[in-house]
């Protein structure tokens, strides 16, 4: 799912391991994730982490900070679903 720059509401259901991204009332993406404790090495934690798909490729969202832990995306092996944003 293509997620463009912007402000999103992120929620994580620890029972189902499901991470959802909302923009207003529109569901943008839903995927599996797992929580990973964040070991502080500095005062600030990045709000999200990305990696490059390949040399010169697109950035892929890999985790989202949820106050003390990161929700690591795709950790449950499920595929990301949702609608592309234009």
Protein backbone atom coordinates (compact mmCIF):
# COMPACT_ATOMS: atom_id res chain seq x y z
CA UNK A 1 0.00 0.00 0.00
CA UNK A 2 1.35 3.38 -0.95
CA UNK A 3 1.40 5.71 2.07
CA UNK A 4 2.32 9.27 1.17
CA UNK A 5 3.66 11.97 3.49
CA UNK A 6 1.03 13.28 5.84
CA UNK A 7 -0.56 12.97 9.25
CA UNK A 8 -2.13 9.64 10.16
CA UNK A 9 -3.81 8.07 13.16
CA UNK A 10 -2.14 4.75 13.97
CA UNK A 11 -3.64 2.04 16.12
CA UNK A 12 -2.38 -1.37 17.19
CA UNK A 13 -4.51 -4.25 18.47
CA UNK A 14 -2.23 -6.39 20.63
CA UNK A 15 -4.78 -9.23 20.70
CA UNK A 16 -4.85 -9.70 16.91
CA UNK A 17 -1.43 -8.18 16.14
CA UNK A 18 -3.05 -5.80 13.65
CA UNK A 19 -1.71 -2.32 12.87
CA UNK A 20 -4.01 0.17 11.11
CA UNK A 21 -3.30 3.58 9.58
CA UNK A 22 -6.14 6.09 9.18
CA UNK A 23 -6.21 9.44 7.43
CA UNK A 24 -9.31 11.16 8.73
CA UNK A 25 -12.09 8.58 8.51
CA UNK A 26 -10.45 6.69 5.62
CA UNK A 27 -8.64 3.41 6.29
CA UNK A 28 -5.33 3.70 4.45
CA UNK A 29 -3.58 0.47 5.41
CA UNK A 30 -3.97 -2.58 7.61
CA UNK A 31 -1.22 -5.13 8.27
CA UNK A 32 0.14 -7.59 10.81
CA UNK A 33 2.76 -6.37 13.27
CA UNK A 34 4.42 -7.26 16.54
CA UNK A 35 5.60 -5.02 19.35
CA UNK A 36 9.31 -4.66 20.00
CA UNK A 37 10.53 -2.84 23.11
CA UNK A 38 12.47 0.34 22.39
CA UNK A 39 15.77 0.55 24.25
CA UNK A 40 16.47 4.26 24.55
CA UNK A 41 19.86 5.40 23.36
CA UNK A 42 18.82 9.05 23.16
CA UNK A 43 16.11 11.34 24.48
CA UNK A 44 14.11 11.26 21.23
CA UNK A 45 12.75 8.22 19.41
CA UNK A 46 11.99 8.36 15.68
CA UNK A 47 8.22 8.28 15.02
CA UNK A 48 8.76 5.65 12.34
CA UNK A 49 11.49 3.65 10.63
CA UNK A 50 11.97 2.93 6.94
CA UNK A 51 14.30 0.97 4.68
CA UNK A 52 15.10 1.31 1.00
CA UNK A 53 13.46 -1.34 -1.20
CA UNK A 54 16.55 -1.60 -3.40
CA UNK A 55 19.29 0.66 -4.69
CA UNK A 56 17.39 3.77 -5.79
CA UNK A 57 14.04 2.13 -4.95
CA UNK A 58 11.15 3.31 -2.84
CA UNK A 59 11.26 3.69 0.93
CA UNK A 60 9.32 1.00 2.82
CA UNK A 61 7.73 1.72 6.19
CA UNK A 62 9.05 -0.97 8.57
CA UNK A 63 7.91 0.14 12.03
CA UNK A 64 5.94 2.79 13.89
CA UNK A 65 6.75 4.09 17.39
CA UNK A 66 3.90 3.64 19.86
CA UNK A 67 5.24 5.16 23.08
CA UNK A 68 7.79 2.73 24.54
CA UNK A 69 7.69 0.14 21.75
CA UNK A 70 7.81 -0.14 17.99
CA UNK A 71 5.12 -1.95 16.02
CA UNK A 72 7.24 -3.88 13.53
CA UNK A 73 5.26 -4.20 10.30
CA UNK A 74 4.72 -7.54 8.60
CA UNK A 75 6.23 -9.45 11.51
CA UNK A 76 3.34 -11.92 11.51
CA UNK A 77 3.92 -12.87 7.89
CA UNK A 78 0.69 -11.34 6.60
CA UNK A 79 0.43 -9.13 3.57
CA UNK A 80 -0.27 -5.42 3.82
CA UNK A 81 -3.70 -4.45 2.56
CA UNK A 82 -5.48 -1.21 1.93
CA UNK A 83 -6.09 1.32 -0.80
CA UNK A 84 -3.44 3.34 -2.61
CA UNK A 85 -3.46 7.03 -1.89
CA UNK A 86 -3.24 9.34 -4.87
